[in-house]
Amino acid sequence: MRRSYSLSFKYKVIQRALEIQDLNKVARENRLNSRMIYRWIKEYKQGKYEVSSLI
């Protein structure tokens, strides 16, 4: 079964990854796959996540 993550959790992970520029470290900290974080960042930059819905 796939796990789903809240938009606020994704936003926190994205911000942390962009802040420290180390996807692998953020992935380890949150027990996530680094490819998933990469995809979330890509979607974030494409405007998929509205900031108002993430805060």
C-alpha atoms as a PDB file:
ATOM      1  CA  MET A   1       0.000   0.000   0.000  1.00  0.00           C
ATOM      2  CA  ARG A   2       1.316   3.430  -0.943  1.00  0.00           C
ATOM      3  CA  ARG A   3       1.752   5.974   1.762  1.00  0.00           C
ATOM      4  CA  SER A   4       0.401   9.453   1.187  1.00  0.00           C
ATOM      5  CA  TYR A   5       1.948  12.560   2.680  1.00  0.00           C
ATOM      6  CA  SER A   6       0.216  15.798   3.601  1.00  0.00           C
ATOM      7  CA  LEU A   7       0.988  18.919   1.634  1.00  0.00           C
ATOM      8  CA  SER A   8       2.367  20.588   4.745  1.00  0.00           C
ATOM      9  CA  PHE A   9       4.802  17.683   5.293  1.00  0.00           C
ATOM     10  CA  LYS A  10       5.918  17.846   1.648  1.00  0.00           C
ATOM     11  CA  TYR A  11       6.427  21.599   1.949  1.00  0.00           C
ATOM     12  CA  LYS A  12       8.584  21.204   5.069  1.00  0.00           C
ATOM     13  CA  VAL A  13      10.707  18.536   3.361  1.00  0.00           C
ATOM     14  CA  ILE A  14      11.048  20.637   0.194  1.00  0.00           C
ATOM     15  CA  GLN A  15      12.089  23.726   2.154  1.00  0.00           C
ATOM     16  CA  ARG A  16      14.649  21.758   4.170  1.00  0.00           C
ATOM     17  CA  ALA A  17      16.103  20.183   1.019  1.00  0.00           C
ATOM     18  CA  LEU A  18      16.370  23.544  -0.734  1.00  0.00           C
ATOM     19  CA  GLU A  19      17.906  25.100   2.370  1.00  0.00           C
ATOM     20  CA  ILE A  20      20.719  22.607   2.909  1.00  0.00           C
ATOM     21  CA  GLN A  21      21.103  21.407  -0.716  1.00  0.00           C
ATOM     22  CA  ASP A  22      21.459  17.751   0.325  1.00  0.00           C
ATOM     23  CA  LEU A  23      18.596  15.487  -0.767  1.00  0.00           C
ATOM     24  CA  ASN A  24      20.182  12.370   0.684  1.00  0.00           C
ATOM     25  CA  LYS A  25      20.511  13.896   4.142  1.00  0.00           C
ATOM     26  CA  VAL A  26      16.904  15.118   4.120  1.00  0.00           C
ATOM     27  CA  ALA A  27      15.777  11.698   2.875  1.00  0.00           C
ATOM     28  CA  ARG A  28      17.579   9.975   5.748  1.00  0.00           C
ATOM     29  CA  GLU A  29      16.200  12.453   8.295  1.00  0.00           C
ATOM     30  CA  ASN A  30      12.641  11.732   7.151  1.00  0.00           C
ATOM     31  CA  ARG A  31      13.025   8.081   6.120  1.00  0.00           C
ATOM     32  CA  LEU A  32      12.128   8.877   2.524  1.00  0.00           C
ATOM     33  CA  ASN A  33      13.555   7.996  -0.858  1.00  0.00           C
ATOM     34  CA  SER A  34      15.667  10.815  -2.300  1.00  0.00           C
ATOM     35  CA  ARG A  35      13.983  10.368  -5.712  1.00  0.00           C
ATOM     36  CA  MET A  36      10.640  11.154  -4.093  1.00  0.00           C
ATOM     37  CA  ILE A  37      12.018  14.393  -2.655  1.00  0.00           C
ATOM     38  CA  TYR A  38      13.527  15.263  -6.034  1.00  0.00           C
ATOM     39  CA  ARG A  39      10.088  14.740  -7.631  1.00  0.00           C
ATOM     40  CA  TRP A  40       8.381  16.876  -4.968  1.00  0.00           C
ATOM     41  CA  ILE A  41      10.878  19.704  -5.573  1.00  0.00           C
ATOM     42  CA  LYS A  42      10.360  19.467  -9.331  1.00  0.00           C
ATOM     43  CA  GLU A  43       6.571  19.607  -8.892  1.00  0.00           C
ATOM     44  CA  TYR A  44       6.930  22.508  -6.434  1.00  0.00           C
ATOM     45  CA  LYS A  45       9.013  24.506  -8.921  1.00  0.00           C
ATOM     46  CA  GLN A  46       6.422  23.789 -11.642  1.00  0.00           C
ATOM     47  CA  GLY A  47       3.750  25.310  -9.406  1.00  0.00           C
ATOM     48  CA  LYS A  48       1.887  22.123  -8.558  1.00  0.00           C
ATOM     49  CA  TYR A  49       1.699  23.011  -4.874  1.00  0.00           C
ATOM     50  CA  GLU A  50      -0.018  26.279  -4.013  1.00  0.00           C
ATOM     51  CA  VAL A  51       1.767  28.065  -1.190  1.00  0.00           C
ATOM     52  CA  SER A  52      -1.507  29.102   0.460  1.00  0.00           C
ATOM     53  CA  SER A  53      -2.623  25.468   0.695  1.00  0.00           C
ATOM     54  CA  LEU A  54       0.717  24.374   2.165  1.00  0.00           C
ATOM     55  CA  ILE A  55       0.918  26.767   5.088  1.00  0.00           C
END
